[in-house]
Amino acid sequence: MKAESNESLDLLSVFLTGIPGLEAQHCWLSIPFFTMYIVAIVGNSLIMAAVQAAPALYEPMYLFLSMLAVTEVGVSVSTLPTVMGILWFDARRVDFDGCLAQMFFIHTFSCMESGVLLAMSYDRFVAIYNPLRYTAILTLPRIVSMGLVIALKSVTLTAPLPVLLRLLPYCHTNILSHSYCLHSDLIQLPCADTKFNSILGLAIVLATFGLDSLLIVVSYMLILYRVLGIASGEGRQKALSTCVSHICAVLVYYVPMIGVSVMHRTAKHASPLAHTLMSSIYLFVPPVLNPIIYSVKTKPIQQGIVTIFSCKRELL
């Protein structure tokens, strides 16, 4: 059976699940989902374009923000084909290698997003602790190097996951519990011991999300200590106001992630719909909310977006 399974691996398919209990409403549900995708992709693309178009935004904070926008577009584009395929066409069947590729991109961009949020917290730490040397410390080459390290680290950590999964035998019906392919789902499918895959997945989570979130908390503890040492109330308020958007982005990213983890461990008997909704919130909400948060809270980003449209109007 194992040999036969390995021989037919190229022909193996997996079957995705839509929104449990709401299959009849998939056509209507496609409207809010597609709207979220449009907002996420267009909103983050506008931020990237604004940073590129406005020389005033060639500062470390905004360059890191454009990196965050790239990762969020990546996450959205990675999940879009299968999610909208199910909602529009009931296309549940996915080629196994295509599923592995989607899993790789989802996890890679998610790891990159966590790394960029950590880099942004370091940016705020430097800006508040050593404002006079802020631009001297965070030079353009150093920022580019940090972005490359984040990308390389994410790819290096997640690349073994699809490779190891492809080496395992698959002998039964391969049905996943989401509208997209995740490692936690795929390791339930092989008819072989997947303990090593589970341990590796946990190690990657701890080395990325766990370590990043810990360092973000430490950086904000140091920032708060520094801010409390500022004599004037106006100075404290001004210093903290520069961190508001980033704090919101961190909460929008990590709170749903913690919610998904807690639900998987403490509410295993909850309805499949509840699990699906929590996972969807984790993947879809940050890319939608972050462009709105930074557009509303950051005036230079607003001005950059206005510049883009004013230039287009002049061209027309």
C-alpha atoms as a PDB file:
ATOM      1  CA  MET A   1       0.000   0.000   0.000  1.00  0.00           C
ATOM      2  CA  LYS A   2       2.856   2.377   0.892  1.00  0.00           C
ATOM      3  CA  ALA A   3       4.757   1.699  -2.335  1.00  0.00           C
ATOM      4  CA  GLU A   4       1.591   2.124  -4.338  1.00  0.00           C
ATOM      5  CA  SER A   5       0.864   5.388  -2.579  1.00  0.00           C
ATOM      6  CA  ASN A   6       4.340   6.758  -3.307  1.00  0.00           C
ATOM      7  CA  GLU A   7       4.109   5.780  -6.962  1.00  0.00           C
ATOM      8  CA  SER A   8       0.803   7.616  -7.379  1.00  0.00           C
ATOM      9  CA  LEU A   9       1.831  10.715  -5.394  1.00  0.00           C
ATOM     10  CA  ASP A  10       2.013  12.803  -8.557  1.00  0.00           C
ATOM     11  CA  LEU A  11      -1.664  12.006  -9.158  1.00  0.00           C
ATOM     12  CA  LEU A  12      -2.718  12.677  -5.557  1.00  0.00           C
ATOM     13  CA  SER A  13      -5.265  15.417  -4.905  1.00  0.00           C
ATOM     14  CA  VAL A  14      -6.583  16.971  -1.732  1.00  0.00           C
ATOM     15  CA  PHE A  15     -10.096  18.249  -1.127  1.00  0.00           C
ATOM     16  CA  LEU A  16     -10.596  21.578   0.601  1.00  0.00           C
ATOM     17  CA  THR A  17     -13.531  22.504   2.815  1.00  0.00           C
ATOM     18  CA  GLY A  18     -15.610  25.643   2.421  1.00  0.00           C
ATOM     19  CA  ILE A  19     -17.457  27.217   5.327  1.00  0.00           C
ATOM     20  CA  PRO A  20     -19.112  24.324   7.217  1.00  0.00           C
ATOM     21  CA  GLY A  21     -22.886  24.550   7.448  1.00  0.00           C
ATOM     22  CA  LEU A  22     -23.066  27.507   5.083  1.00  0.00           C
ATOM     23  CA  GLU A  23     -22.392  25.752   1.774  1.00  0.00           C
ATOM     24  CA  ALA A  24     -25.708  26.936   0.331  1.00  0.00           C
ATOM     25  CA  GLN A  25     -24.726  30.559   1.030  1.00  0.00           C
ATOM     26  CA  HIS A  26     -21.281  30.393  -0.592  1.00  0.00           C
ATOM     27  CA  CYS A  27     -22.397  32.613  -3.468  1.00  0.00           C
ATOM     28  CA  TRP A  28     -23.449  35.383  -1.075  1.00  0.00           C
ATOM     29  CA  LEU A  29     -20.447  34.868   1.198  1.00  0.00           C
ATOM     30  CA  SER A  30     -18.168  35.405  -1.777  1.00  0.00           C
ATOM     31  CA  ILE A  31     -19.134  39.108  -1.773  1.00  0.00           C
ATOM     32  CA  PRO A  32     -17.629  40.034   1.644  1.00  0.00           C
ATOM     33  CA  PHE A  33     -14.640  37.744   1.092  1.00  0.00           C
ATOM     34  CA  PHE A  34     -13.879  39.231  -2.322  1.00  0.00           C
ATOM     35  CA  THR A  35     -14.343  42.727  -0.879  1.00  0.00           C
ATOM     36  CA  MET A  36     -11.775  41.934   1.830  1.00  0.00           C
ATOM     37  CA  TYR A  37      -9.322  40.706  -0.788  1.00  0.00           C
ATOM     38  CA  ILE A  38      -9.785  43.871  -2.849  1.00  0.00           C
ATOM     39  CA  VAL A  39      -9.305  46.108   0.213  1.00  0.00           C
ATOM     40  CA  ALA A  40      -6.225  44.140   1.335  1.00  0.00           C
ATOM     41  CA  ILE A  41      -4.493  44.022  -2.054  1.00  0.00           C
ATOM     42  CA  VAL A  42      -5.403  47.536  -3.221  1.00  0.00           C
ATOM     43  CA  GLY A  43      -4.840  49.108   0.218  1.00  0.00           C
ATOM     44  CA  ASN A  44      -1.403  47.577   0.722  1.00  0.00           C
ATOM     45  CA  SER A  45      -0.423  48.267  -2.895  1.00  0.00           C
ATOM     46  CA  LEU A  46      -1.350  51.935  -2.386  1.00  0.00           C
ATOM     47  CA  ILE A  47       0.906  52.092   0.672  1.00  0.00           C
ATOM     48  CA  MET A  48       3.816  50.620  -1.321  1.00  0.00           C
ATOM     49  CA  ALA A  49       3.155  53.055  -4.173  1.00  0.00           C
ATOM     50  CA  ALA A  50       2.865  56.019  -1.773  1.00  0.00           C
ATOM     51  CA  VAL A  51       6.228  55.240  -0.158  1.00  0.00           C
ATOM     52  CA  GLN A  52       7.838  54.918  -3.583  1.00  0.00           C
ATOM     53  CA  ALA A  53       6.228  58.066  -4.979  1.00  0.00           C
ATOM     54  CA  ALA A  54       6.922  60.467  -2.099  1.00  0.00           C
ATOM     55  CA  PRO A  55      10.617  61.214  -1.302  1.00  0.00           C
ATOM     56  CA  ALA A  56       9.467  62.453   2.124  1.00  0.00           C
ATOM     57  CA  LEU A  57       8.551  58.852   2.964  1.00  0.00           C
ATOM     58  CA  TYR A  58      12.075  57.513   2.354  1.00  0.00           C
ATOM     59  CA  GLU A  59      12.467  57.103   6.108  1.00  0.00           C
ATOM     60  CA  PRO A  60      13.046  53.865   8.065  1.00  0.00           C
ATOM     61  CA  MET A  61       9.515  53.757   9.518  1.00  0.00           C
ATOM     62  CA  TYR A  62       7.851  53.981   6.105  1.00  0.00           C
ATOM     63  CA  LEU A  63      10.299  51.625   4.402  1.00  0.00           C
ATOM     64  CA  PHE A  64       9.472  48.991   7.022  1.00  0.00           C
ATOM     65  CA  LEU A  65       5.782  49.748   6.484  1.00  0.00           C
ATOM     66  CA  SER A  66       6.162  49.057   2.767  1.00  0.00           C
ATOM     67  CA  MET A  67       7.816  45.718   3.651  1.00  0.00           C
ATOM     68  CA  LEU A  68       4.817  44.902   5.843  1.00  0.00           C
ATOM     69  CA  ALA A  69       2.510  45.750   2.933  1.00  0.00           C
ATOM     70  CA  VAL A  70       4.462  43.356   0.662  1.00  0.00           C
ATOM     71  CA  THR A  71       4.019  40.468   3.115  1.00  0.00           C
ATOM     72  CA  GLU A  72       0.291  41.153   3.499  1.00  0.00           C
ATOM     73  CA  VAL A  73      -0.244  41.227  -0.251  1.00  0.00           C
ATOM     74  CA  GLY A  74       1.674  37.939  -0.378  1.00  0.00           C
ATOM     75  CA  VAL A  75      -0.580  36.296   2.217  1.00  0.00           C
ATOM     76  CA  SER A  76      -3.728  37.541   0.469  1.00  0.00           C
ATOM     77  CA  VAL A  77      -2.624  36.417  -2.999  1.00  0.00           C
ATOM     78  CA  SER A  78      -1.581  33.014  -1.609  1.00  0.00           C
ATOM     79  CA  THR A  79      -5.053  32.200  -0.266  1.00  0.00           C
ATOM     80  CA  LEU A  80      -7.189  33.947  -2.896  1.00  0.00           C
ATOM     81  CA  PRO A  81      -7.264  31.236  -5.647  1.00  0.00           C
ATOM     82  CA  THR A  82      -8.594  28.417  -3.483  1.00  0.00           C
ATOM     83  CA  VAL A  83     -10.905  30.489  -1.258  1.00  0.00           C
ATOM     84  CA  MET A  84     -12.628  32.241  -4.149  1.00  0.00           C
ATOM     85  CA  GLY A  85     -12.533  29.047  -6.225  1.00  0.00           C
ATOM     86  CA  ILE A  86     -14.624  27.290  -3.578  1.00  0.00           C
ATOM     87  CA  LEU A  87     -17.029  30.190  -3.022  1.00  0.00           C
ATOM     88  CA  TRP A  88     -17.587  30.895  -6.731  1.00  0.00           C
ATOM     89  CA  PHE A  89     -17.181  27.529  -8.458  1.00  0.00           C
ATOM     90  CA  ASP A  90     -17.232  24.936  -5.625  1.00  0.00           C
ATOM     91  CA  ALA A  91     -13.737  23.929  -6.812  1.00  0.00           C
ATOM     92  CA  ARG A  92     -12.620  21.871  -3.824  1.00  0.00           C
ATOM     93  CA  ARG A  93     -10.139  19.571  -5.497  1.00  0.00           C
ATOM     94  CA  VAL A  94      -6.512  20.772  -5.529  1.00  0.00           C
ATOM     95  CA  ASP A  95      -3.412  19.088  -6.910  1.00  0.00           C
ATOM     96  CA  PHE A  96      -1.178  17.878  -4.072  1.00  0.00           C
ATOM     97  CA  ASP A  97       1.914  19.760  -5.266  1.00  0.00           C
ATOM     98  CA  GLY A  98      -0.189  22.894  -5.718  1.00  0.00           C
ATOM     99  CA  CYS A  99      -1.421  22.480  -2.147  1.00  0.00           C
ATOM    100  CA  LEU A 100       2.159  22.146  -0.877  1.00  0.00           C
ATOM    101  CA  ALA A 101       3.141  25.283  -2.803  1.00  0.00           C
ATOM    102  CA  GLN A 102       0.246  27.233  -1.304  1.00  0.00           C
ATOM    103  CA  MET A 103       1.167  26.025   2.181  1.00  0.00           C
ATOM    104  CA  PHE A 104       4.771  27.139   1.650  1.00  0.00           C
ATOM    105  CA  PHE A 105       3.800  30.637   0.515  1.00  0.00           C
ATOM    106  CA  ILE A 106       1.187  31.151   3.265  1.00  0.00           C
ATOM    107  CA  HIS A 107       3.616  30.172   6.026  1.00  0.00           C
ATOM    108  CA  THR A 108       6.579  31.994   4.464  1.00  0.00           C
ATOM    109  CA  PHE A 109       4.744  35.299   4.112  1.00  0.00           C
ATOM    110  CA  SER A 110       3.258  34.886   7.619  1.00  0.00           C
ATOM    111  CA  CYS A 111       6.757  34.384   9.065  1.00  0.00           C
ATOM    112  CA  MET A 112       7.991  37.395   7.107  1.00  0.00           C
ATOM    113  CA  GLU A 113       5.113  39.498   8.458  1.00  0.00           C
ATOM    114  CA  SER A 114       6.033  38.593  12.022  1.00  0.00           C
ATOM    115  CA  GLY A 115       9.689  39.433  11.325  1.00  0.00           C
ATOM    116  CA  VAL A 116       8.798  42.810   9.809  1.00  0.00           C
ATOM    117  CA  LEU A 117       6.655  43.674  12.849  1.00  0.00           C
ATOM    118  CA  LEU A 118       9.700  42.933  15.018  1.00  0.00           C
ATOM    119  CA  ALA A 119      11.876  45.154  12.793  1.00  0.00           C
ATOM    120  CA  MET A 120       9.282  47.917  13.109  1.00  0.00           C
ATOM    121  CA  SER A 121       9.370  47.651  16.902  1.00  0.00           C
ATOM    122  CA  TYR A 122      13.177  47.996  16.740  1.00  0.00           C
ATOM    123  CA  ASP A 123      12.664  51.071  14.551  1.00  0.00           C
ATOM    124  CA  ARG A 124      10.414  52.641  17.211  1.00  0.00           C
ATOM    125  CA  PHE A 125      12.914  51.666  19.939  1.00  0.00           C
ATOM    126  CA  VAL A 126      15.786  53.432  18.138  1.00  0.00           C
ATOM    127  CA  ALA A 127      13.626  56.482  17.321  1.00  0.00           C
ATOM    128  CA  ILE A 128      12.719  56.985  20.992  1.00  0.00           C
ATOM    129  CA  TYR A 129      15.944  55.848  22.691  1.00  0.00           C
ATOM    130  CA  ASN A 130      18.391  57.585  20.354  1.00  0.00           C
ATOM    131  CA  PRO A 131      16.494  60.084  18.164  1.00  0.00           C
ATOM    132  CA  LEU A 132      19.591  62.104  17.227  1.00  0.00           C
ATOM    133  CA  ARG A 133      21.280  59.060  15.653  1.00  0.00           C
ATOM    134  CA  TYR A 134      18.062  57.490  14.301  1.00  0.00           C
ATOM    135  CA  THR A 135      18.843  57.937  10.603  1.00  0.00           C
ATOM    136  CA  ALA A 136      22.541  57.189  11.170  1.00  0.00           C
ATOM    137  CA  ILE A 137      21.713  53.825  12.758  1.00  0.00           C
ATOM    138  CA  LEU A 138      18.911  52.815  10.392  1.00  0.00           C
ATOM    139  CA  THR A 139      20.541  53.588   7.054  1.00  0.00           C
ATOM    140  CA  LEU A 140      19.054  52.408   3.761  1.00  0.00           C
ATOM    141  CA  PRO A 141      21.630  49.592   3.272  1.00  0.00           C
ATOM    142  CA  ARG A 142      20.976  48.380   6.814  1.00  0.00           C
ATOM    143  CA  ILE A 143      17.201  48.412   6.292  1.00  0.00           C
ATOM    144  CA  VAL A 144      17.566  46.482   3.018  1.00  0.00           C
ATOM    145  CA  SER A 145      19.845  43.977   4.780  1.00  0.00           C
ATOM    146  CA  MET A 146      17.276  43.513   7.554  1.00  0.00           C
ATOM    147  CA  GLY A 147      14.550  42.882   4.951  1.00  0.00           C
ATOM    148  CA  LEU A 148      16.719  40.323   3.141  1.00  0.00           C
ATOM    149  CA  VAL A 149      17.560  38.547   6.403  1.00  0.00           C
ATOM    150  CA  ILE A 150      13.854  38.347   7.320  1.00  0.00           C
ATOM    151  CA  ALA A 151      12.995  36.926   3.884  1.00  0.00           C
ATOM    152  CA  LEU A 152      15.900  34.448   3.905  1.00  0.00           C
ATOM    153  CA  LYS A 153      15.102  33.293   7.435  1.00  0.00           C
ATOM    154  CA  SER A 154      11.432  32.735   6.559  1.00  0.00           C
ATOM    155  CA  VAL A 155      12.197  30.799   3.374  1.00  0.00           C
ATOM    156  CA  THR A 156      14.897  28.698   5.076  1.00  0.00           C
ATOM    157  CA  LEU A 157      12.628  27.727   7.965  1.00  0.00           C
ATOM    158  CA  THR A 158       9.522  26.876   5.910  1.00  0.00           C
ATOM    159  CA  ALA A 159      11.197  25.225   2.889  1.00  0.00           C
ATOM    160  CA  PRO A 160      11.672  21.812   4.615  1.00  0.00           C
ATOM    161  CA  LEU A 161       7.941  21.526   5.407  1.00  0.00           C
ATOM    162  CA  PRO A 162       6.640  20.705   1.889  1.00  0.00           C
ATOM    163  CA  VAL A 163       9.726  18.608   1.105  1.00  0.00           C
ATOM    164  CA  LEU A 164       9.218  16.375   4.150  1.00  0.00           C
ATOM    165  CA  LEU A 165       5.477  16.078   3.539  1.00  0.00           C
ATOM    166  CA  ARG A 166       6.086  14.929  -0.021  1.00  0.00           C
ATOM    167  CA  LEU A 167       8.250  12.049   1.196  1.00  0.00           C
ATOM    168  CA  LEU A 168       5.403  10.524   3.223  1.00  0.00           C
ATOM    169  CA  PRO A 169       2.877   7.929   1.960  1.00  0.00           C
ATOM    170  CA  TYR A 170      -0.798   8.869   1.568  1.00  0.00           C
ATOM    171  CA  CYS A 171      -3.272   5.995   1.639  1.00  0.00           C
ATOM    172  CA  HIS A 172      -6.714   7.432   2.401  1.00  0.00           C
ATOM    173  CA  THR A 173      -9.117  10.192   1.470  1.00  0.00           C
ATOM    174  CA  ASN A 174      -7.331  13.522   1.739  1.00  0.00           C
ATOM    175  CA  ILE A 175      -9.832  16.087   3.049  1.00  0.00           C
ATOM    176  CA  LEU A 176      -8.590  19.301   4.677  1.00  0.00           C
ATOM    177  CA  SER A 177     -10.598  21.391   7.123  1.00  0.00           C
ATOM    178  CA  HIS A 178     -10.010  24.818   5.535  1.00  0.00           C
ATOM    179  CA  SER A 179     -10.338  26.587   2.190  1.00  0.00           C
ATOM    180  CA  TYR A 180      -6.538  26.701   1.908  1.00  0.00           C
ATOM    181  CA  CYS A 181      -3.608  24.415   2.714  1.00  0.00           C
ATOM    182  CA  LEU A 182      -1.913  24.703   6.105  1.00  0.00           C
ATOM    183  CA  HIS A 183       0.830  22.544   7.590  1.00  0.00           C
ATOM    184  CA  SER A 184      -1.243  21.714  10.678  1.00  0.00           C
ATOM    185  CA  ASP A 185      -3.917  20.289   8.356  1.00  0.00           C
ATOM    186  CA  LEU A 186      -1.626  18.440   5.967  1.00  0.00           C
ATOM    187  CA  ILE A 187       0.262  16.499   8.653  1.00  0.00           C
ATOM    188  CA  GLN A 188      -3.028  14.789   9.542  1.00  0.00           C
ATOM    189  CA  LEU A 189      -3.220  13.116   6.116  1.00  0.00           C
ATOM    190  CA  PRO A 190      -0.225  10.698   5.789  1.00  0.00           C
ATOM    191  CA  CYS A 191      -0.647   7.069   6.819  1.00  0.00           C
ATOM    192  CA  ALA A 192       2.734   7.192   8.572  1.00  0.00           C
ATOM    193  CA  ASP A 193       4.256   8.645  11.723  1.00  0.00           C
ATOM    194  CA  THR A 194       4.342  12.456  11.477  1.00  0.00           C
ATOM    195  CA  LYS A 195       5.801  13.159  14.918  1.00  0.00           C
ATOM    196  CA  PHE A 196       8.971  14.677  13.431  1.00  0.00           C
ATOM    197  CA  ASN A 197       6.886  16.939  11.162  1.00  0.00           C
ATOM    198  CA  SER A 198       4.853  18.093  14.160  1.00  0.00           C
ATOM    199  CA  ILE A 199       7.956  18.831  16.219  1.00  0.00           C
ATOM    200  CA  LEU A 200       9.548  20.701  13.321  1.00  0.00           C
ATOM    201  CA  GLY A 201       6.374  22.753  12.822  1.00  0.00           C
ATOM    202  CA  LEU A 202       6.295  23.639  16.528  1.00  0.00           C
ATOM    203  CA  ALA A 203       9.997  24.556  16.467  1.00  0.00           C
ATOM    204  CA  ILE A 204       9.405  26.904  13.523  1.00  0.00           C
ATOM    205  CA  VAL A 205       6.477  28.561  15.319  1.00  0.00           C
ATOM    206  CA  LEU A 206       8.608  29.108  18.432  1.00  0.00           C
ATOM    207  CA  ALA A 207      11.602  30.372  16.403  1.00  0.00           C
ATOM    208  CA  THR A 208       9.491  32.889  14.507  1.00  0.00           C
ATOM    209  CA  PHE A 209       6.205  33.948  16.095  1.00  0.00           C
ATOM    210  CA  GLY A 210       7.213  33.013  19.645  1.00  0.00           C
ATOM    211  CA  LEU A 211      10.634  34.721  19.604  1.00  0.00           C
ATOM    212  CA  ASP A 212       9.414  37.712  17.589  1.00  0.00           C
ATOM    213  CA  SER A 213       6.472  38.390  19.918  1.00  0.00           C
ATOM    214  CA  LEU A 214       8.743  38.096  22.980  1.00  0.00           C
ATOM    215  CA  LEU A 215      11.246  40.577  21.547  1.00  0.00           C
ATOM    216  CA  ILE A 216       8.428  42.970  20.581  1.00  0.00           C
ATOM    217  CA  VAL A 217       7.150  42.911  24.173  1.00  0.00           C
ATOM    218  CA  VAL A 218      10.679  43.527  25.509  1.00  0.00           C
ATOM    219  CA  SER A 219      11.220  46.427  23.099  1.00  0.00           C
ATOM    220  CA  TYR A 220       7.985  48.095  24.193  1.00  0.00           C
ATOM    221  CA  MET A 221       8.840  47.599  27.853  1.00  0.00           C
ATOM    222  CA  LEU A 222      12.105  49.464  27.203  1.00  0.00           C
ATOM    223  CA  ILE A 223      10.267  52.114  25.190  1.00  0.00           C
ATOM    224  CA  LEU A 224       7.753  52.607  28.020  1.00  0.00           C
ATOM    225  CA  TYR A 225      10.590  52.871  30.559  1.00  0.00           C
ATOM    226  CA  ARG A 226      12.235  55.528  28.404  1.00  0.00           C
ATOM    227  CA  VAL A 227       9.002  57.450  27.822  1.00  0.00           C
ATOM    228  CA  LEU A 228       8.168  57.521  31.535  1.00  0.00           C
ATOM    229  CA  GLY A 229      11.541  59.184  32.092  1.00  0.00           C
ATOM    230  CA  ILE A 230      10.579  62.138  29.878  1.00  0.00           C
ATOM    231  CA  ALA A 231       9.847  65.150  32.079  1.00  0.00           C
ATOM    232  CA  SER A 232       7.062  66.851  30.142  1.00  0.00           C
ATOM    233  CA  GLY A 233       3.656  65.286  29.626  1.00  0.00           C
ATOM    234  CA  GLU A 234       3.557  66.665  26.092  1.00  0.00           C
ATOM    235  CA  GLY A 235       6.860  64.948  25.306  1.00  0.00           C
ATOM    236  CA  ARG A 236       5.586  61.614  26.651  1.00  0.00           C
ATOM    237  CA  GLN A 237       2.403  61.898  24.615  1.00  0.00           C
ATOM    238  CA  LYS A 238       4.310  62.777  21.441  1.00  0.00           C
ATOM    239  CA  ALA A 239       6.711  59.859  21.886  1.00  0.00           C
ATOM    240  CA  LEU A 240       3.910  57.342  22.474  1.00  0.00           C
ATOM    241  CA  SER A 241       1.829  58.692  19.592  1.00  0.00           C
ATOM    242  CA  THR A 242       4.530  57.578  17.143  1.00  0.00           C
ATOM    243  CA  CYS A 243       4.007  53.988  18.326  1.00  0.00           C
ATOM    244  CA  VAL A 244       0.189  53.838  18.168  1.00  0.00           C
ATOM    245  CA  SER A 245      -0.090  52.546  14.598  1.00  0.00           C
ATOM    246  CA  HIS A 246       2.531  49.854  15.157  1.00  0.00           C
ATOM    247  CA  ILE A 247       0.929  48.727  18.424  1.00  0.00           C
ATOM    248  CA  CYS A 248      -2.405  48.396  16.596  1.00  0.00           C
ATOM    249  CA  ALA A 249      -0.727  46.365  13.821  1.00  0.00           C
ATOM    250  CA  VAL A 250       0.888  44.056  16.396  1.00  0.00           C
ATOM    251  CA  LEU A 251      -2.436  43.510  18.194  1.00  0.00           C
ATOM    252  CA  VAL A 252      -4.303  42.925  14.919  1.00  0.00           C
ATOM    253  CA  TYR A 253      -1.720  40.279  13.960  1.00  0.00           C
ATOM    254  CA  TYR A 254      -1.041  38.449  17.228  1.00  0.00           C
ATOM    255  CA  VAL A 255      -4.442  38.520  18.978  1.00  0.00           C
ATOM    256  CA  PRO A 256      -6.186  36.399  16.280  1.00  0.00           C
ATOM    257  CA  MET A 257      -3.156  34.073  16.210  1.00  0.00           C
ATOM    258  CA  ILE A 258      -3.388  33.542  19.968  1.00  0.00           C
ATOM    259  CA  GLY A 259      -7.151  33.037  19.622  1.00  0.00           C
ATOM    260  CA  VAL A 260      -6.633  30.307  17.000  1.00  0.00           C
ATOM    261  CA  SER A 261      -4.004  28.550  19.162  1.00  0.00           C
ATOM    262  CA  VAL A 262      -6.182  28.667  22.284  1.00  0.00           C
ATOM    263  CA  MET A 263      -9.212  27.358  20.386  1.00  0.00           C
ATOM    264  CA  HIS A 264      -7.255  24.444  18.907  1.00  0.00           C
ATOM    265  CA  ARG A 265      -6.099  23.398  22.379  1.00  0.00           C
ATOM    266  CA  THR A 266      -9.063  24.176  24.635  1.00  0.00           C
ATOM    267  CA  ALA A 267     -12.066  24.031  22.313  1.00  0.00           C
ATOM    268  CA  LYS A 268     -11.387  20.969  20.173  1.00  0.00           C
ATOM    269  CA  HIS A 269     -15.065  20.020  20.309  1.00  0.00           C
ATOM    270  CA  ALA A 270     -16.256  23.425  19.112  1.00  0.00           C
ATOM    271  CA  SER A 271     -18.159  23.492  15.838  1.00  0.00           C
ATOM    272  CA  PRO A 272     -16.109  23.351  12.620  1.00  0.00           C
ATOM    273  CA  LEU A 273     -17.645  26.710  11.720  1.00  0.00           C
ATOM    274  CA  ALA A 274     -16.057  28.329  14.802  1.00  0.00           C
ATOM    275  CA  HIS A 275     -12.612  26.950  13.919  1.00  0.00           C
ATOM    276  CA  THR A 276     -12.987  28.080  10.309  1.00  0.00           C
ATOM    277  CA  LEU A 277     -14.041  31.596  11.314  1.00  0.00           C
ATOM    278  CA  MET A 278     -11.130  31.991  13.756  1.00  0.00           C
ATOM    279  CA  SER A 279      -8.603  30.838  11.149  1.00  0.00           C
ATOM    280  CA  SER A 280     -10.157  33.165   8.570  1.00  0.00           C
ATOM    281  CA  ILE A 281      -9.925  36.118  10.964  1.00  0.00           C
ATOM    282  CA  TYR A 282      -6.226  35.351  11.544  1.00  0.00           C
ATOM    283  CA  LEU A 283      -5.404  35.266   7.813  1.00  0.00           C
ATOM    284  CA  PHE A 284      -7.790  37.901   6.422  1.00  0.00           C
ATOM    285  CA  VAL A 285      -8.171  40.624   9.057  1.00  0.00           C
ATOM    286  CA  PRO A 286      -4.555  41.929   9.383  1.00  0.00           C
ATOM    287  CA  PRO A 287      -4.095  42.579   5.625  1.00  0.00           C
ATOM    288  CA  VAL A 288      -7.446  44.409   5.575  1.00  0.00           C
ATOM    289  CA  LEU A 289      -7.049  46.498   8.741  1.00  0.00           C
ATOM    290  CA  ASN A 290      -3.377  47.501   8.585  1.00  0.00           C
ATOM    291  CA  PRO A 291      -3.687  49.726   5.470  1.00  0.00           C
ATOM    292  CA  ILE A 292      -6.705  51.389   7.087  1.00  0.00           C
ATOM    293  CA  ILE A 293      -4.862  51.881  10.401  1.00  0.00           C
ATOM    294  CA  TYR A 294      -1.784  53.429   8.789  1.00  0.00           C
ATOM    295  CA  SER A 295      -3.794  55.519   6.342  1.00  0.00           C
ATOM    296  CA  VAL A 296      -5.928  56.991   9.134  1.00  0.00           C
ATOM    297  CA  LYS A 297      -3.181  57.431  11.741  1.00  0.00           C
ATOM    298  CA  THR A 298      -0.260  58.499   9.523  1.00  0.00           C
ATOM    299  CA  LYS A 299      -0.586  61.840   7.721  1.00  0.00           C
ATOM    300  CA  PRO A 300       2.511  61.364   5.481  1.00  0.00           C
ATOM    301  CA  ILE A 301       0.921  58.164   4.110  1.00  0.00           C
ATOM    302  CA  GLN A 302      -2.303  60.074   3.412  1.00  0.00           C
ATOM    303  CA  GLN A 303      -0.299  62.759   1.602  1.00  0.00           C
ATOM    304  CA  GLY A 304       1.596  60.107  -0.367  1.00  0.00           C
ATOM    305  CA  ILE A 305      -1.646  58.508  -1.548  1.00  0.00           C
ATOM    306  CA  VAL A 306      -3.014  61.932  -2.508  1.00  0.00           C
ATOM    307  CA  THR A 307       0.211  62.542  -4.461  1.00  0.00           C
ATOM    308  CA  ILE A 308      -0.291  59.324  -6.440  1.00  0.00           C
ATOM    309  CA  PHE A 309      -3.809  60.246  -7.533  1.00  0.00           C
ATOM    310  CA  SER A 310      -2.899  63.878  -8.246  1.00  0.00           C
ATOM    311  CA  CYS A 311      -0.060  62.733 -10.506  1.00  0.00           C
ATOM    312  CA  LYS A 312      -2.402  60.388 -12.367  1.00  0.00           C
ATOM    313  CA  ARG A 313      -4.936  63.201 -12.782  1.00  0.00           C
ATOM    314  CA  GLU A 314      -2.224  65.432 -14.268  1.00  0.00           C
ATOM    315  CA  LEU A 315      -1.232  62.676 -16.693  1.00  0.00           C
ATOM    316  CA  LEU A 316      -4.850  62.344 -17.831  1.00  0.00           C
END
